[in-house]
mmCIF file of all heavy atoms, coordinates in Angstrom:
data_MODEL
# 
_entry.id   MODEL 
# 
loop_
_atom_site.group_PDB 
_atom_site.id 
_atom_site.type_symbol 
_atom_site.label_atom_id 
_atom_site.label_alt_id 
_atom_site.label_comp_id 
_atom_site.label_asym_id 
_atom_site.label_entity_id 
_atom_site.label_seq_id 
_atom_site.pdbx_PDB_ins_code 
_atom_site.Cartn_x 
_atom_site.Cartn_y 
_atom_site.Cartn_z 
_atom_site.occupancy 
_atom_site.B_iso_or_equiv 
_atom_site.pdbx_formal_charge 
_atom_site.auth_seq_id 
_atom_site.auth_comp_id 
_atom_site.auth_asym_id 
_atom_site.auth_atom_id 
_atom_site.pdbx_PDB_model_num 
ATOM 1   N N   . PHE A 1 1  ? -27.109 -28.318 82.925 1.00 0.00 ? 1  PHE A N   1 
ATOM 2   C CA  . PHE A 1 1  ? -26.475 -27.944 84.186 1.00 0.00 ? 1  PHE A CA  1 
ATOM 3   C C   . PHE A 1 1  ? -26.993 -26.571 84.608 1.00 0.00 ? 1  PHE A C   1 
ATOM 4   O O   . PHE A 1 1  ? -27.071 -25.652 83.795 1.00 0.00 ? 1  PHE A O   1 
ATOM 5   C CB  . PHE A 1 1  ? -24.952 -27.858 84.025 1.00 0.00 ? 1  PHE A CB  1 
ATOM 6   C CG  . PHE A 1 1  ? -24.301 -29.150 83.619 1.00 0.00 ? 1  PHE A CG  1 
ATOM 7   C CD1 . PHE A 1 1  ? -24.022 -29.426 82.290 1.00 0.00 ? 1  PHE A CD1 1 
ATOM 8   C CD2 . PHE A 1 1  ? -23.956 -30.097 84.574 1.00 0.00 ? 1  PHE A CD2 1 
ATOM 9   C CE1 . PHE A 1 1  ? -23.410 -30.609 81.913 1.00 0.00 ? 1  PHE A CE1 1 
ATOM 10  C CE2 . PHE A 1 1  ? -23.350 -31.293 84.211 1.00 0.00 ? 1  PHE A CE2 1 
ATOM 11  C CZ  . PHE A 1 1  ? -23.070 -31.551 82.882 1.00 0.00 ? 1  PHE A CZ  1 
ATOM 12  N N   . SER A 1 2  ? -27.340 -26.423 85.892 1.00 0.00 ? 2  SER A N   1 
ATOM 13  C CA  . SER A 1 2  ? -27.760 -25.124 86.407 1.00 0.00 ? 2  SER A CA  1 
ATOM 14  C C   . SER A 1 2  ? -27.182 -24.946 87.801 1.00 0.00 ? 2  SER A C   1 
ATOM 15  O O   . SER A 1 2  ? -26.883 -25.919 88.491 1.00 0.00 ? 2  SER A O   1 
ATOM 16  C CB  . SER A 1 2  ? -29.284 -25.001 86.428 1.00 0.00 ? 2  SER A CB  1 
ATOM 17  O OG  . SER A 1 2  ? -29.849 -25.990 87.258 1.00 0.00 ? 2  SER A OG  1 
ATOM 18  N N   . VAL A 1 3  ? -27.013 -23.692 88.213 1.00 0.00 ? 3  VAL A N   1 
ATOM 19  C CA  . VAL A 1 3  ? -26.399 -23.390 89.499 1.00 0.00 ? 3  VAL A CA  1 
ATOM 20  C C   . VAL A 1 3  ? -27.242 -22.401 90.292 1.00 0.00 ? 3  VAL A C   1 
ATOM 21  O O   . VAL A 1 3  ? -27.990 -21.612 89.725 1.00 0.00 ? 3  VAL A O   1 
ATOM 22  C CB  . VAL A 1 3  ? -24.963 -22.835 89.328 1.00 0.00 ? 3  VAL A CB  1 
ATOM 23  C CG1 . VAL A 1 3  ? -24.022 -23.911 88.841 1.00 0.00 ? 3  VAL A CG1 1 
ATOM 24  C CG2 . VAL A 1 3  ? -24.918 -21.649 88.395 1.00 0.00 ? 3  VAL A CG2 1 
ATOM 25  N N   . SER A 1 4  ? -27.074 -22.456 91.619 1.00 0.00 ? 4  SER A N   1 
ATOM 26  C CA  . SER A 1 4  ? -27.797 -21.533 92.489 1.00 0.00 ? 4  SER A CA  1 
ATOM 27  C C   . SER A 1 4  ? -27.207 -20.129 92.415 1.00 0.00 ? 4  SER A C   1 
ATOM 28  O O   . SER A 1 4  ? -27.912 -19.148 92.613 1.00 0.00 ? 4  SER A O   1 
ATOM 29  C CB  . SER A 1 4  ? -27.765 -22.039 93.932 1.00 0.00 ? 4  SER A CB  1 
ATOM 30  O OG  . SER A 1 4  ? -26.427 -22.169 94.385 1.00 0.00 ? 4  SER A OG  1 
ATOM 31  N N   . GLN A 1 5  ? -25.917 -20.039 92.148 1.00 0.00 ? 5  GLN A N   1 
ATOM 32  C CA  . GLN A 1 5  ? -25.215 -18.769 91.964 1.00 0.00 ? 5  GLN A CA  1 
ATOM 33  C C   . GLN A 1 5  ? -24.118 -18.992 90.936 1.00 0.00 ? 5  GLN A C   1 
ATOM 34  O O   . GLN A 1 5  ? -23.596 -20.090 90.811 1.00 0.00 ? 5  GLN A O   1 
ATOM 35  C CB  . GLN A 1 5  ? -24.556 -18.305 93.261 1.00 0.00 ? 5  GLN A CB  1 
ATOM 36  C CG  . GLN A 1 5  ? -25.488 -17.920 94.370 1.00 0.00 ? 5  GLN A CG  1 
ATOM 37  C CD  . GLN A 1 5  ? -24.703 -17.358 95.541 1.00 0.00 ? 5  GLN A CD  1 
ATOM 38  O OE1 . GLN A 1 5  ? -23.858 -16.486 95.376 1.00 0.00 ? 5  GLN A OE1 1 
ATOM 39  N NE2 . GLN A 1 5  ? -24.980 -17.867 96.723 1.00 0.00 ? 5  GLN A NE2 1 
ATOM 40  N N   . GLY A 1 6  ? -23.736 -17.947 90.232 1.00 0.00 ? 6  GLY A N   1 
ATOM 41  C CA  . GLY A 1 6  ? -22.643 -18.054 89.273 1.00 0.00 ? 6  GLY A CA  1 
ATOM 42  C C   . GLY A 1 6  ? -23.124 -18.533 87.923 1.00 0.00 ? 6  GLY A C   1 
ATOM 43  O O   . GLY A 1 6  ? -24.256 -18.283 87.516 1.00 0.00 ? 6  GLY A O   1 
ATOM 44  N N   . SER A 1 7  ? -22.248 -19.263 87.228 1.00 0.00 ? 7  SER A N   1 
ATOM 45  C CA  . SER A 1 7  ? -22.581 -19.722 85.885 1.00 0.00 ? 7  SER A CA  1 
ATOM 46  C C   . SER A 1 7  ? -21.847 -21.020 85.570 1.00 0.00 ? 7  SER A C   1 
ATOM 47  O O   . SER A 1 7  ? -20.884 -21.386 86.252 1.00 0.00 ? 7  SER A O   1 
ATOM 48  C CB  . SER A 1 7  ? -22.197 -18.659 84.850 1.00 0.00 ? 7  SER A CB  1 
ATOM 49  O OG  . SER A 1 7  ? -20.797 -18.426 84.887 1.00 0.00 ? 7  SER A OG  1 
ATOM 50  N N   . VAL A 1 8  ? -22.329 -21.704 84.533 1.00 0.00 ? 8  VAL A N   1 
ATOM 51  C CA  . VAL A 1 8  ? -21.682 -22.912 84.035 1.00 0.00 ? 8  VAL A CA  1 
ATOM 52  C C   . VAL A 1 8  ? -21.435 -22.751 82.544 1.00 0.00 ? 8  VAL A C   1 
ATOM 53  O O   . VAL A 1 8  ? -22.146 -22.016 81.859 1.00 0.00 ? 8  VAL A O   1 
ATOM 54  C CB  . VAL A 1 8  ? -22.535 -24.175 84.280 1.00 0.00 ? 8  VAL A CB  1 
ATOM 55  C CG1 . VAL A 1 8  ? -22.561 -24.538 85.740 1.00 0.00 ? 8  VAL A CG1 1 
ATOM 56  C CG2 . VAL A 1 8  ? -23.938 -24.020 83.737 1.00 0.00 ? 8  VAL A CG2 1 
ATOM 57  N N   . SER A 1 9  ? -20.418 -23.436 82.053 1.00 0.00 ? 9  SER A N   1 
ATOM 58  C CA  . SER A 1 9  ? -20.121 -23.404 80.625 1.00 0.00 ? 9  SER A CA  1 
ATOM 59  C C   . SER A 1 9  ? -19.572 -24.760 80.215 1.00 0.00 ? 9  SER A C   1 
ATOM 60  O O   . SER A 1 9  ? -18.528 -25.161 80.724 1.00 0.00 ? 9  SER A O   1 
ATOM 61  C CB  . SER A 1 9  ? -19.103 -22.309 80.315 1.00 0.00 ? 9  SER A CB  1 
ATOM 62  O OG  . SER A 1 9  ? -18.838 -22.270 78.928 1.00 0.00 ? 9  SER A OG  1 
ATOM 63  N N   . PRO A 1 10 ? -20.284 -25.473 79.377 1.00 0.00 ? 10 PRO A N   1 
ATOM 64  C CA  . PRO A 1 10 ? -21.563 -25.140 78.763 1.00 0.00 ? 10 PRO A CA  1 
ATOM 65  C C   . PRO A 1 10 ? -22.732 -25.413 79.709 1.00 0.00 ? 10 PRO A C   1 
ATOM 66  O O   . PRO A 1 10 ? -22.595 -26.170 80.674 1.00 0.00 ? 10 PRO A O   1 
ATOM 67  C CB  . PRO A 1 10 ? -21.622 -26.091 77.562 1.00 0.00 ? 10 PRO A CB  1 
ATOM 68  C CG  . PRO A 1 10 ? -20.886 -27.301 78.022 1.00 0.00 ? 10 PRO A CG  1 
ATOM 69  C CD  . PRO A 1 10 ? -19.776 -26.771 78.903 1.00 0.00 ? 10 PRO A CD  1 
ATOM 70  N N   . ALA A 1 11 ? -23.881 -24.826 79.386 1.00 0.00 ? 11 ALA A N   1 
ATOM 71  C CA  . ALA A 1 11 ? -25.095 -25.051 80.184 1.00 0.00 ? 11 ALA A CA  1 
ATOM 72  C C   . ALA A 1 11 ? -25.749 -26.377 79.818 1.00 0.00 ? 11 ALA A C   1 
ATOM 73  O O   . ALA A 1 11 ? -26.477 -26.948 80.614 1.00 0.00 ? 11 ALA A O   1 
ATOM 74  C CB  . ALA A 1 11 ? -26.082 -23.907 79.987 1.00 0.00 ? 11 ALA A CB  1 
ATOM 75  N N   . THR A 1 12 ? -25.504 -26.862 78.602 1.00 0.00 ? 12 THR A N   1 
ATOM 76  C CA  . THR A 1 12 ? -25.967 -28.192 78.191 1.00 0.00 ? 12 THR A CA  1 
ATOM 77  C C   . THR A 1 12 ? -24.817 -28.900 77.492 1.00 0.00 ? 12 THR A C   1 
ATOM 78  O O   . THR A 1 12 ? -23.987 -28.262 76.834 1.00 0.00 ? 12 THR A O   1 
ATOM 79  C CB  . THR A 1 12 ? -27.177 -28.141 77.237 1.00 0.00 ? 12 THR A CB  1 
ATOM 80  O OG1 . THR A 1 12 ? -26.803 -27.472 76.043 1.00 0.00 ? 12 THR A OG1 1 
ATOM 81  C CG2 . THR A 1 12 ? -28.362 -27.458 77.879 1.00 0.00 ? 12 THR A CG2 1 
ATOM 82  N N   . ALA A 1 13 ? -24.778 -30.222 77.641 1.00 0.00 ? 13 ALA A N   1 
ATOM 83  C CA  . ALA A 1 13 ? -23.740 -31.016 76.989 1.00 0.00 ? 13 ALA A CA  1 
ATOM 84  C C   . ALA A 1 13 ? -24.306 -32.391 76.669 1.00 0.00 ? 13 ALA A C   1 
ATOM 85  O O   . ALA A 1 13 ? -25.085 -32.944 77.448 1.00 0.00 ? 13 ALA A O   1 
ATOM 86  C CB  . ALA A 1 13 ? -22.521 -31.144 77.893 1.00 0.00 ? 13 ALA A CB  1 
ATOM 87  N N   . ASP A 1 14 ? -23.916 -32.933 75.530 1.00 0.00 ? 14 ASP A N   1 
ATOM 88  C CA  . ASP A 1 14 ? -24.304 -34.289 75.163 1.00 0.00 ? 14 ASP A CA  1 
ATOM 89  C C   . ASP A 1 14 ? -23.294 -35.271 75.736 1.00 0.00 ? 14 ASP A C   1 
ATOM 90  O O   . ASP A 1 14 ? -22.087 -34.976 75.792 1.00 0.00 ? 14 ASP A O   1 
ATOM 91  C CB  . ASP A 1 14 ? -24.341 -34.450 73.640 1.00 0.00 ? 14 ASP A CB  1 
ATOM 92  C CG  . ASP A 1 14 ? -25.473 -33.672 73.002 1.00 0.00 ? 14 ASP A CG  1 
ATOM 93  O OD1 . ASP A 1 14 ? -26.432 -33.302 73.711 1.00 0.00 ? 14 ASP A OD1 1 
ATOM 94  O OD2 . ASP A 1 14 ? -25.408 -33.434 71.784 1.00 0.00 ? 14 ASP A OD2 1 
ATOM 95  N N   . THR A 1 15 ? -23.771 -36.435 76.139 1.00 0.00 ? 15 THR A N   1 
ATOM 96  C CA  . THR A 1 15 ? -22.864 -37.448 76.657 1.00 0.00 ? 15 THR A CA  1 
ATOM 97  C C   . THR A 1 15 ? -21.983 -37.987 75.532 1.00 0.00 ? 15 THR A C   1 
ATOM 98  O O   . THR A 1 15 ? -22.403 -38.094 74.387 1.00 0.00 ? 15 THR A O   1 
ATOM 99  C CB  . THR A 1 15 ? -23.623 -38.597 77.335 1.00 0.00 ? 15 THR A CB  1 
ATOM 100 O OG1 . THR A 1 15 ? -24.568 -39.136 76.415 1.00 0.00 ? 15 THR A OG1 1 
ATOM 101 C CG2 . THR A 1 15 ? -24.334 -38.128 78.594 1.00 0.00 ? 15 THR A CG2 1 
ATOM 102 N N   . ASP A 1 16 ? -20.757 -38.325 75.903 1.00 0.00 ? 16 ASP A N   1 
ATOM 103 C CA  . ASP A 1 16 ? -19.780 -38.821 74.936 1.00 0.00 ? 16 ASP A CA  1 
ATOM 104 C C   . ASP A 1 16 ? -19.826 -40.352 74.852 1.00 0.00 ? 16 ASP A C   1 
ATOM 105 O O   . ASP A 1 16 ? -20.754 -40.986 75.370 1.00 0.00 ? 16 ASP A O   1 
ATOM 106 C CB  . ASP A 1 16 ? -18.377 -38.315 75.288 1.00 0.00 ? 16 ASP A CB  1 
ATOM 107 C CG  . ASP A 1 16 ? -17.866 -38.810 76.638 1.00 0.00 ? 16 ASP A CG  1 
ATOM 108 O OD1 . ASP A 1 16 ? -18.433 -39.774 77.199 1.00 0.00 ? 16 ASP A OD1 1 
ATOM 109 O OD2 . ASP A 1 16 ? -16.868 -38.250 77.127 1.00 0.00 ? 16 ASP A OD2 1 
ATOM 110 N N   . ALA A 1 17 ? -18.815 -40.946 74.249 1.00 0.00 ? 17 ALA A N   1 
ATOM 111 C CA  . ALA A 1 17 ? -18.769 -42.403 74.059 1.00 0.00 ? 17 ALA A CA  1 
ATOM 112 C C   . ALA A 1 17 ? -18.700 -43.176 75.367 1.00 0.00 ? 17 ALA A C   1 
ATOM 113 O O   . ALA A 1 17 ? -18.988 -44.369 75.397 1.00 0.00 ? 17 ALA A O   1 
ATOM 114 C CB  . ALA A 1 17 ? -17.584 -42.772 73.172 1.00 0.00 ? 17 ALA A CB  1 
ATOM 115 N N   . THR A 1 18 ? -18.338 -42.497 76.458 1.00 0.00 ? 18 THR A N   1 
ATOM 116 C CA  . THR A 1 18 ? -18.280 -43.151 77.771 1.00 0.00 ? 18 THR A CA  1 
ATOM 117 C C   . THR A 1 18 ? -19.508 -42.815 78.618 1.00 0.00 ? 18 THR A C   1 
ATOM 118 O O   . THR A 1 18 ? -19.558 -43.146 79.802 1.00 0.00 ? 18 THR A O   1 
ATOM 119 C CB  . THR A 1 18 ? -17.003 -42.752 78.535 1.00 0.00 ? 18 THR A CB  1 
ATOM 120 O OG1 . THR A 1 18 ? -17.042 -41.351 78.831 1.00 0.00 ? 18 THR A OG1 1 
ATOM 121 C CG2 . THR A 1 18 ? -15.750 -43.083 77.741 1.00 0.00 ? 18 THR A CG2 1 
ATOM 122 N N   . GLY A 1 19 ? -20.485 -42.117 78.014 1.00 0.00 ? 19 GLY A N   1 
ATOM 123 C CA  . GLY A 1 19 ? -21.703 -41.739 78.730 1.00 0.00 ? 19 GLY A CA  1 
ATOM 124 C C   . GLY A 1 19 ? -21.525 -40.523 79.619 1.00 0.00 ? 19 GLY A C   1 
ATOM 125 O O   . GLY A 1 19 ? -22.387 -40.223 80.437 1.00 0.00 ? 19 GLY A O   1 
ATOM 126 N N   . ARG A 1 20 ? -20.422 -39.799 79.454 1.00 0.00 ? 20 ARG A N   1 
ATOM 127 C CA  . ARG A 1 20 ? -20.122 -38.668 80.337 1.00 0.00 ? 20 ARG A CA  1 
ATOM 128 C C   . ARG A 1 20 ? -20.399 -37.322 79.676 1.00 0.00 ? 20 ARG A C   1 
ATOM 129 O O   . ARG A 1 20 ? -20.204 -37.145 78.480 1.00 0.00 ? 20 ARG A O   1 
ATOM 130 C CB  . ARG A 1 20 ? -18.662 -38.714 80.775 1.00 0.00 ? 20 ARG A CB  1 
ATOM 131 C CG  . ARG A 1 20 ? -18.364 -39.923 81.612 1.00 0.00 ? 20 ARG A CG  1 
ATOM 132 C CD  . ARG A 1 20 ? -16.912 -40.009 81.980 1.00 0.00 ? 20 ARG A CD  1 
ATOM 133 N NE  . ARG A 1 20 ? -16.693 -41.231 82.740 1.00 0.00 ? 20 ARG A NE  1 
ATOM 134 C CZ  . ARG A 1 20 ? -15.672 -41.426 83.542 1.00 0.00 ? 20 ARG A CZ  1 
ATOM 135 N NH1 . ARG A 1 20 ? -14.761 -40.485 83.686 1.00 0.00 ? 20 ARG A NH1 1 
ATOM 136 N NH2 . ARG A 1 20 ? -15.533 -42.553 84.191 1.00 0.00 ? 20 ARG A NH2 1 
ATOM 137 N N   . ALA A 1 21 ? -20.825 -36.376 80.515 1.00 0.00 ? 21 ALA A N   1 
ATOM 138 C CA  . ALA A 1 21 ? -21.008 -34.980 80.116 1.00 0.00 ? 21 ALA A CA  1 
ATOM 139 C C   . ALA A 1 21 ? -20.386 -34.130 81.211 1.00 0.00 ? 21 ALA A C   1 
ATOM 140 O O   . ALA A 1 21 ? -20.396 -34.508 82.387 1.00 0.00 ? 21 ALA A O   1 
ATOM 141 C CB  . ALA A 1 21 ? -22.483 -34.639 79.950 1.00 0.00 ? 21 ALA A CB  1 
ATOM 142 N N   . SER A 1 22 ? -19.827 -32.972 80.835 1.00 0.00 ? 22 SER A N   1 
ATOM 143 C CA  . SER A 1 22 ? -19.160 -32.146 81.841 1.00 0.00 ? 22 SER A CA  1 
ATOM 144 C C   . SER A 1 22 ? -19.382 -30.672 81.586 1.00 0.00 ? 22 SER A C   1 
ATOM 145 O O   . SER A 1 22 ? -19.767 -30.249 80.498 1.00 0.00 ? 22 SER A O   1 
ATOM 146 C CB  . SER A 1 22 ? -17.655 -32.440 81.866 1.00 0.00 ? 22 SER A CB  1 
ATOM 147 O OG  . SER A 1 22 ? -17.054 -32.069 80.640 1.00 0.00 ? 22 SER A OG  1 
ATOM 148 N N   . THR A 1 23 ? -19.117 -29.891 82.653 1.00 0.00 ? 23 THR A N   1 
ATOM 149 C CA  . THR A 1 23 ? -19.225 -28.438 82.574 1.00 0.00 ? 23 THR A CA  1 
ATOM 150 C C   . THR A 1 23 ? -18.216 -27.811 83.523 1.00 0.00 ? 23 THR A C   1 
ATOM 151 O O   . THR A 1 23 ? -17.779 -28.445 84.490 1.00 0.00 ? 23 THR A O   1 
ATOM 152 C CB  . THR A 1 23 ? -20.657 -27.972 82.921 1.00 0.00 ? 23 THR A CB  1 
ATOM 153 O OG1 . THR A 1 23 ? -20.794 -26.591 82.592 1.00 0.00 ? 23 THR A OG1 1 
ATOM 154 C CG2 . THR A 1 23 ? -20.985 -28.189 84.388 1.00 0.00 ? 23 THR A CG2 1 
ATOM 155 N N   . LEU A 1 24 ? -17.832 -26.584 83.249 1.00 0.00 ? 24 LEU A N   1 
ATOM 156 C CA  . LEU A 1 24 ? -16.997 -25.799 84.156 1.00 0.00 ? 24 LEU A CA  1 
ATOM 157 C C   . LEU A 1 24 ? -17.898 -24.846 84.918 1.00 0.00 ? 24 LEU A C   1 
ATOM 158 O O   . LEU A 1 24 ? -18.800 -24.231 84.343 1.00 0.00 ? 24 LEU A O   1 
ATOM 159 C CB  . LEU A 1 24 ? -15.936 -25.011 83.390 1.00 0.00 ? 24 LEU A CB  1 
ATOM 160 C CG  . LEU A 1 24 ? -14.814 -25.839 82.786 1.00 0.00 ? 24 LEU A CG  1 
ATOM 161 C CD1 . LEU A 1 24 ? -13.914 -24.959 81.926 1.00 0.00 ? 24 LEU A CD1 1 
ATOM 162 C CD2 . LEU A 1 24 ? -13.999 -26.527 83.870 1.00 0.00 ? 24 LEU A CD2 1 
ATOM 163 N N   . TRP A 1 25 ? -17.631 -24.688 86.199 1.00 0.00 ? 25 TRP A N   1 
ATOM 164 C CA  . TRP A 1 25 ? -18.473 -23.905 87.091 1.00 0.00 ? 25 TRP A CA  1 
ATOM 165 C C   . TRP A 1 25 ? -17.708 -22.689 87.587 1.00 0.00 ? 25 TRP A C   1 
ATOM 166 O O   . TRP A 1 25 ? -16.645 -22.812 88.175 1.00 0.00 ? 25 TRP A O   1 
ATOM 167 C CB  . TRP A 1 25 ? -18.895 -24.783 88.258 1.00 0.00 ? 25 TRP A CB  1 
ATOM 168 C CG  . TRP A 1 25 ? -19.840 -24.196 89.255 1.00 0.00 ? 25 TRP A CG  1 
ATOM 169 C CD1 . TRP A 1 25 ? -20.409 -22.957 89.255 1.00 0.00 ? 25 TRP A CD1 1 
ATOM 170 C CD2 . TRP A 1 25 ? -20.328 -24.853 90.414 1.00 0.00 ? 25 TRP A CD2 1 
ATOM 171 N NE1 . TRP A 1 25 ? -21.224 -22.810 90.334 1.00 0.00 ? 25 TRP A NE1 1 
ATOM 172 C CE2 . TRP A 1 25 ? -21.195 -23.966 91.077 1.00 0.00 ? 25 TRP A CE2 1 
ATOM 173 C CE3 . TRP A 1 25 ? -20.123 -26.114 90.975 1.00 0.00 ? 25 TRP A CE3 1 
ATOM 174 C CZ2 . TRP A 1 25 ? -21.838 -24.286 92.259 1.00 0.00 ? 25 TRP A CZ2 1 
ATOM 175 C CZ3 . TRP A 1 25 ? -20.769 -26.434 92.152 1.00 0.00 ? 25 TRP A CZ3 1 
ATOM 176 C CH2 . TRP A 1 25 ? -21.623 -25.526 92.779 1.00 0.00 ? 25 TRP A CH2 1 
ATOM 177 N N   . THR A 1 26 ? -18.276 -21.505 87.340 1.00 0.00 ? 26 THR A N   1 
ATOM 178 C CA  . THR A 1 26 ? -17.755 -20.265 87.903 1.00 0.00 ? 26 THR A CA  1 
ATOM 179 C C   . THR A 1 26 ? -18.658 -19.885 89.062 1.00 0.00 ? 26 THR A C   1 
ATOM 180 O O   . THR A 1 26 ? -19.871 -19.725 88.882 1.00 0.00 ? 26 THR A O   1 
ATOM 181 C CB  . THR A 1 26 ? -17.722 -19.139 86.849 1.00 0.00 ? 26 THR A CB  1 
ATOM 182 O OG1 . THR A 1 26 ? -16.880 -19.553 85.766 1.00 0.00 ? 26 THR A OG1 1 
ATOM 183 C CG2 . THR A 1 26 ? -17.198 -17.844 87.446 1.00 0.00 ? 26 THR A CG2 1 
ATOM 184 N N   . LEU A 1 27 ? -18.072 -19.765 90.242 1.00 0.00 ? 27 LEU A N   1 
ATOM 185 C CA  . LEU A 1 27 ? -18.848 -19.480 91.444 1.00 0.00 ? 27 LEU A CA  1 
ATOM 186 C C   . LEU A 1 27 ? -19.457 -18.081 91.394 1.00 0.00 ? 27 LEU A C   1 
ATOM 187 O O   . LEU A 1 27 ? -18.918 -17.174 90.758 1.00 0.00 ? 27 LEU A O   1 
ATOM 188 C CB  . LEU A 1 27 ? -17.970 -19.613 92.687 1.00 0.00 ? 27 LEU A CB  1 
ATOM 189 C CG  . LEU A 1 27 ? -17.422 -21.016 92.943 1.00 0.00 ? 27 LEU A CG  1 
ATOM 190 C CD1 . LEU A 1 27 ? -16.437 -20.979 94.114 1.00 0.00 ? 27 LEU A CD1 1 
ATOM 191 C CD2 . LEU A 1 27 ? -18.535 -22.003 93.205 1.00 0.00 ? 27 LEU A CD2 1 
ATOM 192 N N   . GLY A 1 28 ? -20.560 -17.911 92.104 1.00 0.00 ? 28 GLY A N   1 
ATOM 193 C CA  . GLY A 1 28 ? -21.229 -16.623 92.187 1.00 0.00 ? 28 GLY A CA  1 
ATOM 194 C C   . GLY A 1 28 ? -20.576 -15.714 93.214 1.00 0.00 ? 28 GLY A C   1 
ATOM 195 O O   . GLY A 1 28 ? -19.581 -16.068 93.854 1.00 0.00 ? 28 GLY A O   1 
ATOM 196 N N   . ALA A 1 29 ? -21.168 -14.547 93.390 1.00 0.00 ? 29 ALA A N   1 
ATOM 197 C CA  . ALA A 1 29 ? -20.606 -13.519 94.257 1.00 0.00 ? 29 ALA A CA  1 
ATOM 198 C C   . ALA A 1 29 ? -20.885 -13.751 95.741 1.00 0.00 ? 29 ALA A C   1 
ATOM 199 O O   . ALA A 1 29 ? -20.227 -13.165 96.593 1.00 0.00 ? 29 ALA A O   1 
ATOM 200 C CB  . ALA A 1 29 ? -21.140 -12.150 93.850 1.00 0.00 ? 29 ALA A CB  1 
# 
């Protein structure tokens, strides 16, 4: 995961048993 501004956590994630991966996004300034 990458963003034009701000940050994500985590920046990489492995898909789970349902094929899903997620991240939290903190907006930039």
